[in-house]
Structure formats: C-alpha cells, structure tokens
Amino acid sequence: MRTPSAPIYTPQGLARLRTATAWAIVGLVVVAAVGAYFRFVNSGPLGIDEWWHGVATVSHGSAPYAVAVFMANIGDRIGVLASAAILVALLLALRRFRDAVTVATTMLLGLIGSEALKSLVSRPRPWDQLYASHGHSFPSGHSMGAAALAVSIALVVTYSGSFSRNATRWVWAVSVCWILVMMWSRTAVHVHWLSDTLAGAILGASVAIIARRLCLPKEVTR
C-alpha cells in the first residue's frame, strides 16, 4: 500500500522528469558559461540588458515601485529560507518525508550555487539603483530563490497524486507568474540586469528538477 509520503511516479511522469533533468543540466552549463563570459571577457551589460533596463524602469512612489520593493523584501534570503522552512514543516506534518528532503535539498543547492557564482563572477550591479542592494550582480539570488521554491512546490503537486490535472496546470501557471514577477521586480529597481535574473531563474528551476531526480526512491529508478 502506498504511504502518504510516497509520491506517484507513472512511466510517463518519470520520462518527463528524465527529460527535464537533462535540460536542467544543460541550463546549469549555460549559466556557468555565461558567468565565465562576464568574469573573463566583459562584465558589462549585454545589448538586451540595456534595452530592458530602459523598458522596465519604475518611478519612486508609484504602484509598480511599491510592488517591486515588496518583492525585494519577501524574496530576500531570510524570506525565502523562512518560506522553505514552512513548506518543509508542512510536508513533514503531512508525512511526505521525501518531498520535504527534496525541497530542503533544492534550497541548499540553490543557495550554494548562487553564492558561489556571485563570488566567482563578481559582476557589478547597475550603476543607477533605485533600491539599495549590495553584493555582486550575477546571478540574481532573488530570482533563484523564487524559481527554486516555486518549481519545488509545482513538482510536489505534480507527483503527489492528490491534485487533478487542471489544478496542477494552475499551480504551474502561478509558479511561472511568480518567477516572472520576481525577475521583473529586480530589473525594475535597477539592482540587476535582465541576464542576471534569467540566470538566477534557470539556476533555481534546474536545481529543483535535479533535486527531485536525485531524491527518487531506489525502486523507481531501477
């Protein structure tokens, strides 16, 4: 009998997860390659960075600025870790132990990868910040955290066996929207370039997928 902590892995679901894992590895390689470019060739903005920098800007005191500041506060390291801790505690209470380990692994790998890249790449932030932010620019830690947590939640729902296909699609849609809003907010207040947020989102989503693959039960991977 399946226990509450045992997700459902159909052959189709496993095939999709294997494919997603392969793409996640490619994503990590691309992020590392772009980071190497910024570290050794040119750390300045790309053409698309400069274009988006002008398009996405907001004004102090405006409603979009307030939204961007809210996202900055809720998406910082403390906010993301607190949200992840709550999610892990909830999963443990529901006796979904493997899911809890997967989420914790995702956040740990994401934070290690993000901080390591920031230190190695040392890309400067935009010069005209509209909201105080410190440290290096590549990749965006806020975007990484948003993607890691959102994709982790979507994967838990996908493989839980407790949600309809339509509900699962809605969870994925909300997750993607959350990531995009976080990415926009970081560029809107000029604390990151667009390429920083793209790299952060790819990093977060990739580690969530890889952590899910790593935490599969042995009997499923045979």
C-alpha atoms as a PDB file:
ATOM      1  CA  MET A   1       0.000   0.000   0.000  1.00  0.00           C
ATOM      2  CA  ARG A   2       1.290   3.463  -0.889  1.00  0.00           C
ATOM      3  CA  THR A   3       2.124   5.576   2.158  1.00  0.00           C
ATOM      4  CA  PRO A   4       1.272   9.315   2.378  1.00  0.00           C
ATOM      5  CA  SER A   5       4.956  10.102   1.906  1.00  0.00           C
ATOM      6  CA  ALA A   6       5.265   8.174  -1.357  1.00  0.00           C
ATOM      7  CA  PRO A   7       4.637  10.278  -4.494  1.00  0.00           C
ATOM      8  CA  ILE A   8       3.139   8.681  -7.585  1.00  0.00           C
ATOM      9  CA  TYR A   9       5.617   8.147 -10.449  1.00  0.00           C
ATOM     10  CA  THR A  10       3.931   6.908 -13.620  1.00  0.00           C
ATOM     11  CA  PRO A  11       6.093   5.809 -16.570  1.00  0.00           C
ATOM     12  CA  GLN A  12       5.061   8.986 -18.403  1.00  0.00           C
ATOM     13  CA  GLY A  13       5.871  11.135 -15.379  1.00  0.00           C
ATOM     14  CA  LEU A  14       9.274   9.516 -14.989  1.00  0.00           C
ATOM     15  CA  ALA A  15      10.029  10.030 -18.676  1.00  0.00           C
ATOM     16  CA  ARG A  16       9.160  13.718 -18.390  1.00  0.00           C
ATOM     17  CA  LEU A  17      11.310  14.040 -15.275  1.00  0.00           C
ATOM     18  CA  ARG A  18      14.294  12.421 -17.002  1.00  0.00           C
ATOM     19  CA  THR A  19      13.901  14.784 -19.960  1.00  0.00           C
ATOM     20  CA  ALA A  20      13.549  17.776 -17.646  1.00  0.00           C
ATOM     21  CA  THR A  21      16.681  16.676 -15.770  1.00  0.00           C
ATOM     22  CA  ALA A  22      18.676  16.608 -18.993  1.00  0.00           C
ATOM     23  CA  TRP A  23      17.502  20.127 -19.826  1.00  0.00           C
ATOM     24  CA  ALA A  24      18.258  21.246 -16.269  1.00  0.00           C
ATOM     25  CA  ILE A  25      21.856  20.084 -16.662  1.00  0.00           C
ATOM     26  CA  VAL A  26      22.072  21.990 -19.940  1.00  0.00           C
ATOM     27  CA  GLY A  27      20.689  25.041 -18.126  1.00  0.00           C
ATOM     28  CA  LEU A  28      23.377  24.830 -15.464  1.00  0.00           C
ATOM     29  CA  VAL A  29      26.075  24.556 -18.130  1.00  0.00           C
ATOM     30  CA  VAL A  30      24.688  27.627 -19.921  1.00  0.00           C
ATOM     31  CA  VAL A  31      24.574  29.634 -16.683  1.00  0.00           C
ATOM     32  CA  ALA A  32      28.170  28.652 -15.903  1.00  0.00           C
ATOM     33  CA  ALA A  33      29.283  29.563 -19.444  1.00  0.00           C
ATOM     34  CA  VAL A  34      27.584  32.971 -19.302  1.00  0.00           C
ATOM     35  CA  GLY A  35      29.132  33.545 -15.893  1.00  0.00           C
ATOM     36  CA  ALA A  36      32.565  32.749 -17.337  1.00  0.00           C
ATOM     37  CA  TYR A  37      31.941  35.277 -20.113  1.00  0.00           C
ATOM     38  CA  PHE A  38      31.096  38.001 -17.605  1.00  0.00           C
ATOM     39  CA  ARG A  39      34.115  37.076 -15.479  1.00  0.00           C
ATOM     40  CA  PHE A  40      36.791  36.863 -18.170  1.00  0.00           C
ATOM     41  CA  VAL A  41      35.504  38.770 -21.208  1.00  0.00           C
ATOM     42  CA  ASN A  42      33.101  41.575 -20.377  1.00  0.00           C
ATOM     43  CA  SER A  43      31.142  42.106 -17.155  1.00  0.00           C
ATOM     44  CA  GLY A  44      29.126  44.993 -18.571  1.00  0.00           C
ATOM     45  CA  PRO A  45      25.515  44.845 -19.782  1.00  0.00           C
ATOM     46  CA  LEU A  46      24.548  42.974 -22.905  1.00  0.00           C
ATOM     47  CA  GLY A  47      22.506  44.686 -25.579  1.00  0.00           C
ATOM     48  CA  ILE A  48      19.300  43.111 -24.308  1.00  0.00           C
ATOM     49  CA  ASP A  49      20.244  44.176 -20.780  1.00  0.00           C
ATOM     50  CA  GLU A  50      20.490  47.816 -21.806  1.00  0.00           C
ATOM     51  CA  TRP A  51      17.211  47.657 -23.716  1.00  0.00           C
ATOM     52  CA  TRP A  52      15.296  46.071 -20.850  1.00  0.00           C
ATOM     53  CA  HIS A  53      16.952  48.428 -18.370  1.00  0.00           C
ATOM     54  CA  GLY A  54      15.169  51.320 -20.038  1.00  0.00           C
ATOM     55  CA  VAL A  55      11.875  49.500 -20.615  1.00  0.00           C
ATOM     56  CA  ALA A  56      11.363  48.039 -17.137  1.00  0.00           C
ATOM     57  CA  THR A  57      12.199  51.099 -15.046  1.00  0.00           C
ATOM     58  CA  VAL A  58       9.748  52.403 -12.410  1.00  0.00           C
ATOM     59  CA  SER A  59       9.374  55.720 -10.584  1.00  0.00           C
ATOM     60  CA  HIS A  60       9.748  56.301  -6.848  1.00  0.00           C
ATOM     61  CA  GLY A  61       6.364  56.416  -5.140  1.00  0.00           C
ATOM     62  CA  SER A  62       4.495  54.661  -7.953  1.00  0.00           C
ATOM     63  CA  ALA A  63       2.439  51.492  -7.513  1.00  0.00           C
ATOM     64  CA  PRO A  64       4.864  49.391  -9.611  1.00  0.00           C
ATOM     65  CA  TYR A  65       7.736  50.638  -7.428  1.00  0.00           C
ATOM     66  CA  ALA A  66       5.836  49.555  -4.305  1.00  0.00           C
ATOM     67  CA  VAL A  67       5.286  46.117  -5.822  1.00  0.00           C
ATOM     68  CA  ALA A  68       8.985  45.836  -6.704  1.00  0.00           C
ATOM     69  CA  VAL A  69      10.015  46.791  -3.165  1.00  0.00           C
ATOM     70  CA  PHE A  70       7.548  44.289  -1.715  1.00  0.00           C
ATOM     71  CA  MET A  71       9.042  41.559  -3.900  1.00  0.00           C
ATOM     72  CA  ALA A  72      12.533  42.613  -2.839  1.00  0.00           C
ATOM     73  CA  ASN A  73      11.613  42.213   0.822  1.00  0.00           C
ATOM     74  CA  ILE A  74       9.701  38.945   0.537  1.00  0.00           C
ATOM     75  CA  GLY A  75      12.227  37.417  -1.829  1.00  0.00           C
ATOM     76  CA  ASP A  76      15.418  38.108   0.130  1.00  0.00           C
ATOM     77  CA  ARG A  77      17.423  35.315   1.704  1.00  0.00           C
ATOM     78  CA  ILE A  78      15.570  35.408   5.012  1.00  0.00           C
ATOM     79  CA  GLY A  79      12.170  35.453   3.315  1.00  0.00           C
ATOM     80  CA  VAL A  80      12.996  32.550   1.022  1.00  0.00           C
ATOM     81  CA  LEU A  81      14.514  30.441   3.788  1.00  0.00           C
ATOM     82  CA  ALA A  82      11.528  31.125   6.041  1.00  0.00           C
ATOM     83  CA  SER A  83       9.123  30.147   3.253  1.00  0.00           C
ATOM     84  CA  ALA A  84      11.119  26.992   2.530  1.00  0.00           C
ATOM     85  CA  ALA A  85      11.183  26.096   6.239  1.00  0.00           C
ATOM     86  CA  ILE A  86       7.405  26.480   6.455  1.00  0.00           C
ATOM     87  CA  LEU A  87       6.952  24.302   3.369  1.00  0.00           C
ATOM     88  CA  VAL A  88       9.293  21.624   4.735  1.00  0.00           C
ATOM     89  CA  ALA A  89       7.481  21.649   8.086  1.00  0.00           C
ATOM     90  CA  LEU A  90       4.120  21.313   6.319  1.00  0.00           C
ATOM     91  CA  LEU A  91       5.368  18.395   4.232  1.00  0.00           C
ATOM     92  CA  LEU A  92       6.725  16.683   7.336  1.00  0.00           C
ATOM     93  CA  ALA A  93       3.385  17.171   9.082  1.00  0.00           C
ATOM     94  CA  LEU A  94       1.706  15.540   6.066  1.00  0.00           C
ATOM     95  CA  ARG A  95       4.226  12.679   6.313  1.00  0.00           C
ATOM     96  CA  ARG A  96       5.645  13.492   2.906  1.00  0.00           C
ATOM     97  CA  PHE A  97       9.200  12.972   4.100  1.00  0.00           C
ATOM     98  CA  ARG A  98      10.856  12.512   0.718  1.00  0.00           C
ATOM     99  CA  ASP A  99       9.212  15.689  -0.599  1.00  0.00           C
ATOM    100  CA  ALA A 100      10.462  17.561   2.473  1.00  0.00           C
ATOM    101  CA  VAL A 101      14.014  16.325   1.873  1.00  0.00           C
ATOM    102  CA  THR A 102      13.735  17.272  -1.799  1.00  0.00           C
ATOM    103  CA  VAL A 103      12.675  20.847  -1.016  1.00  0.00           C
ATOM    104  CA  ALA A 104      15.422  21.240   1.592  1.00  0.00           C
ATOM    105  CA  THR A 105      17.998  19.861  -0.859  1.00  0.00           C
ATOM    106  CA  THR A 106      16.797  22.237  -3.556  1.00  0.00           C
ATOM    107  CA  MET A 107      17.187  25.318  -1.386  1.00  0.00           C
ATOM    108  CA  LEU A 108      20.613  24.211  -0.132  1.00  0.00           C
ATOM    109  CA  LEU A 109      21.944  23.534  -3.639  1.00  0.00           C
ATOM    110  CA  GLY A 110      20.419  26.758  -4.950  1.00  0.00           C
ATOM    111  CA  LEU A 111      21.960  28.944  -2.260  1.00  0.00           C
ATOM    112  CA  ILE A 112      25.376  27.296  -2.590  1.00  0.00           C
ATOM    113  CA  GLY A 113      25.326  27.621  -6.374  1.00  0.00           C
ATOM    114  CA  SER A 114      24.118  31.223  -6.332  1.00  0.00           C
ATOM    115  CA  GLU A 115      26.636  32.419  -3.755  1.00  0.00           C
ATOM    116  CA  ALA A 116      29.498  30.544  -5.435  1.00  0.00           C
ATOM    117  CA  LEU A 117      28.712  32.115  -8.801  1.00  0.00           C
ATOM    118  CA  LYS A 118      28.388  35.586  -7.295  1.00  0.00           C
ATOM    119  CA  SER A 119      31.845  35.280  -5.751  1.00  0.00           C
ATOM    120  CA  LEU A 120      33.474  33.759  -8.835  1.00  0.00           C
ATOM    121  CA  VAL A 121      31.904  36.025 -11.464  1.00  0.00           C
ATOM    122  CA  SER A 122      31.994  39.287  -9.429  1.00  0.00           C
ATOM    123  CA  ARG A 123      29.778  41.148 -11.883  1.00  0.00           C
ATOM    124  CA  PRO A 124      28.977  44.718 -10.755  1.00  0.00           C
ATOM    125  CA  ARG A 125      25.360  45.770 -10.312  1.00  0.00           C
ATOM    126  CA  PRO A 126      23.780  48.522 -12.444  1.00  0.00           C
ATOM    127  CA  TRP A 127      25.081  51.971 -11.548  1.00  0.00           C
ATOM    128  CA  ASP A 128      21.680  53.652 -11.141  1.00  0.00           C
ATOM    129  CA  GLN A 129      19.963  51.555  -8.473  1.00  0.00           C
ATOM    130  CA  LEU A 130      16.526  52.710  -7.358  1.00  0.00           C
ATOM    131  CA  TYR A 131      16.590  50.485  -4.282  1.00  0.00           C
ATOM    132  CA  ALA A 132      19.585  49.832  -2.046  1.00  0.00           C
ATOM    133  CA  SER A 133      21.222  46.476  -2.752  1.00  0.00           C
ATOM    134  CA  HIS A 134      24.710  45.143  -2.087  1.00  0.00           C
ATOM    135  CA  GLY A 135      26.976  42.401  -3.314  1.00  0.00           C
ATOM    136  CA  HIS A 136      27.581  41.135  -6.825  1.00  0.00           C
ATOM    137  CA  SER A 137      25.005  41.023  -9.584  1.00  0.00           C
ATOM    138  CA  PHE A 138      25.283  37.620 -11.302  1.00  0.00           C
ATOM    139  CA  PRO A 139      23.122  35.649 -10.810  1.00  0.00           C
ATOM    140  CA  SER A 140      20.068  37.189  -9.148  1.00  0.00           C
ATOM    141  CA  GLY A 141      19.614  35.473  -5.788  1.00  0.00           C
ATOM    142  CA  HIS A 142      16.005  36.642  -5.559  1.00  0.00           C
ATOM    143  CA  SER A 143      15.184  35.095  -8.944  1.00  0.00           C
ATOM    144  CA  MET A 144      16.988  31.897  -7.999  1.00  0.00           C
ATOM    145  CA  GLY A 145      15.081  31.604  -4.722  1.00  0.00           C
ATOM    146  CA  ALA A 146      11.727  32.321  -6.361  1.00  0.00           C
ATOM    147  CA  ALA A 147      12.314  29.730  -9.082  1.00  0.00           C
ATOM    148  CA  ALA A 148      13.699  27.080  -6.718  1.00  0.00           C
ATOM    149  CA  LEU A 149      10.760  27.377  -4.328  1.00  0.00           C
ATOM    150  CA  ALA A 150       8.043  27.765  -6.974  1.00  0.00           C
ATOM    151  CA  VAL A 151       9.238  24.857  -9.105  1.00  0.00           C
ATOM    152  CA  SER A 152       9.690  22.706  -5.979  1.00  0.00           C
ATOM    153  CA  ILE A 153       6.064  23.348  -4.994  1.00  0.00           C
ATOM    154  CA  ALA A 154       4.866  22.627  -8.535  1.00  0.00           C
ATOM    155  CA  LEU A 155       6.798  19.350  -8.604  1.00  0.00           C
ATOM    156  CA  VAL A 156       5.380  18.301  -5.234  1.00  0.00           C
ATOM    157  CA  VAL A 157       1.876  18.931  -6.560  1.00  0.00           C
ATOM    158  CA  THR A 158       2.621  17.190  -9.862  1.00  0.00           C
ATOM    159  CA  TYR A 159       3.786  13.957  -8.246  1.00  0.00           C
ATOM    160  CA  SER A 160       1.539  13.946  -5.183  1.00  0.00           C
ATOM    161  CA  GLY A 161      -1.329  12.135  -6.858  1.00  0.00           C
ATOM    162  CA  SER A 162      -3.757  14.306  -4.864  1.00  0.00           C
ATOM    163  CA  PHE A 163      -4.487  17.005  -7.440  1.00  0.00           C
ATOM    164  CA  SER A 164      -6.371  16.958 -10.730  1.00  0.00           C
ATOM    165  CA  ARG A 165      -4.583  17.680 -13.979  1.00  0.00           C
ATOM    166  CA  ASN A 166      -6.343  21.037 -14.223  1.00  0.00           C
ATOM    167  CA  ALA A 167      -5.301  22.024 -10.699  1.00  0.00           C
ATOM    168  CA  THR A 168      -1.738  21.010 -11.447  1.00  0.00           C
ATOM    169  CA  ARG A 169      -1.714  23.216 -14.538  1.00  0.00           C
ATOM    170  CA  TRP A 170      -2.906  26.154 -12.432  1.00  0.00           C
ATOM    171  CA  VAL A 171      -0.141  25.573  -9.903  1.00  0.00           C
ATOM    172  CA  TRP A 172       2.444  25.596 -12.679  1.00  0.00           C
ATOM    173  CA  ALA A 173       0.929  28.757 -14.172  1.00  0.00           C
ATOM    174  CA  VAL A 174       1.007  30.572 -10.827  1.00  0.00           C
ATOM    175  CA  SER A 175       4.580  29.381 -10.239  1.00  0.00           C
ATOM    176  CA  VAL A 176       5.743  30.737 -13.587  1.00  0.00           C
ATOM    177  CA  CYS A 177       3.974  34.055 -12.958  1.00  0.00           C
ATOM    178  CA  TRP A 178       5.613  34.362  -9.542  1.00  0.00           C
ATOM    179  CA  ILE A 179       9.058  33.809 -11.057  1.00  0.00           C
ATOM    180  CA  LEU A 180       8.438  36.341 -13.834  1.00  0.00           C
ATOM    181  CA  VAL A 181       7.190  38.982 -11.411  1.00  0.00           C
ATOM    182  CA  MET A 182      10.255  38.468  -9.230  1.00  0.00           C
ATOM    183  CA  MET A 183      12.533  38.780 -12.254  1.00  0.00           C
ATOM    184  CA  TRP A 184      10.768  41.950 -13.359  1.00  0.00           C
ATOM    185  CA  SER A 185      10.972  43.472  -9.873  1.00  0.00           C
ATOM    186  CA  ARG A 186      14.752  43.048  -9.683  1.00  0.00           C
ATOM    187  CA  THR A 187      15.277  44.783 -13.007  1.00  0.00           C
ATOM    188  CA  ALA A 188      12.601  47.432 -12.411  1.00  0.00           C
ATOM    189  CA  VAL A 189      14.518  48.905  -9.459  1.00  0.00           C
ATOM    190  CA  HIS A 190      17.802  48.531 -11.366  1.00  0.00           C
ATOM    191  CA  VAL A 191      19.551  46.205  -8.932  1.00  0.00           C
ATOM    192  CA  HIS A 192      20.074  43.512 -11.582  1.00  0.00           C
ATOM    193  CA  TRP A 193      20.454  43.208 -15.311  1.00  0.00           C
ATOM    194  CA  LEU A 194      17.966  41.047 -17.207  1.00  0.00           C
ATOM    195  CA  SER A 195      20.678  38.442 -17.829  1.00  0.00           C
ATOM    196  CA  ASP A 196      21.234  38.192 -14.056  1.00  0.00           C
ATOM    197  CA  THR A 197      17.585  37.378 -13.442  1.00  0.00           C
ATOM    198  CA  LEU A 198      17.413  34.897 -16.311  1.00  0.00           C
ATOM    199  CA  ALA A 199      20.468  33.091 -14.939  1.00  0.00           C
ATOM    200  CA  GLY A 200      19.007  33.081 -11.432  1.00  0.00           C
ATOM    201  CA  ALA A 201      15.685  31.674 -12.607  1.00  0.00           C
ATOM    202  CA  ILE A 202      17.378  28.964 -14.681  1.00  0.00           C
ATOM    203  CA  LEU A 203      19.623  28.060 -11.755  1.00  0.00           C
ATOM    204  CA  GLY A 204      16.726  27.812  -9.306  1.00  0.00           C
ATOM    205  CA  ALA A 205      14.478  25.798 -11.620  1.00  0.00           C
ATOM    206  CA  SER A 206      17.349  23.494 -12.591  1.00  0.00           C
ATOM    207  CA  VAL A 207      18.338  22.623  -9.029  1.00  0.00           C
ATOM    208  CA  ALA A 208      14.677  21.962  -8.163  1.00  0.00           C
ATOM    209  CA  ILE A 209      14.382  19.475 -11.021  1.00  0.00           C
ATOM    210  CA  ILE A 210      17.737  17.834 -10.305  1.00  0.00           C
ATOM    211  CA  ALA A 211      16.969  17.551  -6.580  1.00  0.00           C
ATOM    212  CA  ARG A 212      13.660  15.851  -7.436  1.00  0.00           C
ATOM    213  CA  ARG A 213      15.539  13.404  -9.652  1.00  0.00           C
ATOM    214  CA  LEU A 214      18.219  12.737  -7.021  1.00  0.00           C
ATOM    215  CA  CYS A 215      15.612  12.055  -4.335  1.00  0.00           C
ATOM    216  CA  LEU A 216      13.698   9.445  -6.324  1.00  0.00           C
ATOM    217  CA  PRO A 217      13.157   6.151  -4.471  1.00  0.00           C
ATOM    218  CA  LYS A 218      15.567   3.387  -5.497  1.00  0.00           C
ATOM    219  CA  GLU A 219      12.748   1.119  -6.588  1.00  0.00           C
ATOM    220  CA  VAL A 220      11.592   3.782  -9.049  1.00  0.00           C
ATOM    221  CA  THR A 221      14.988   4.285 -10.686  1.00  0.00           C
ATOM    222  CA  ARG A 222      15.568   0.578 -11.351  1.00  0.00           C
END
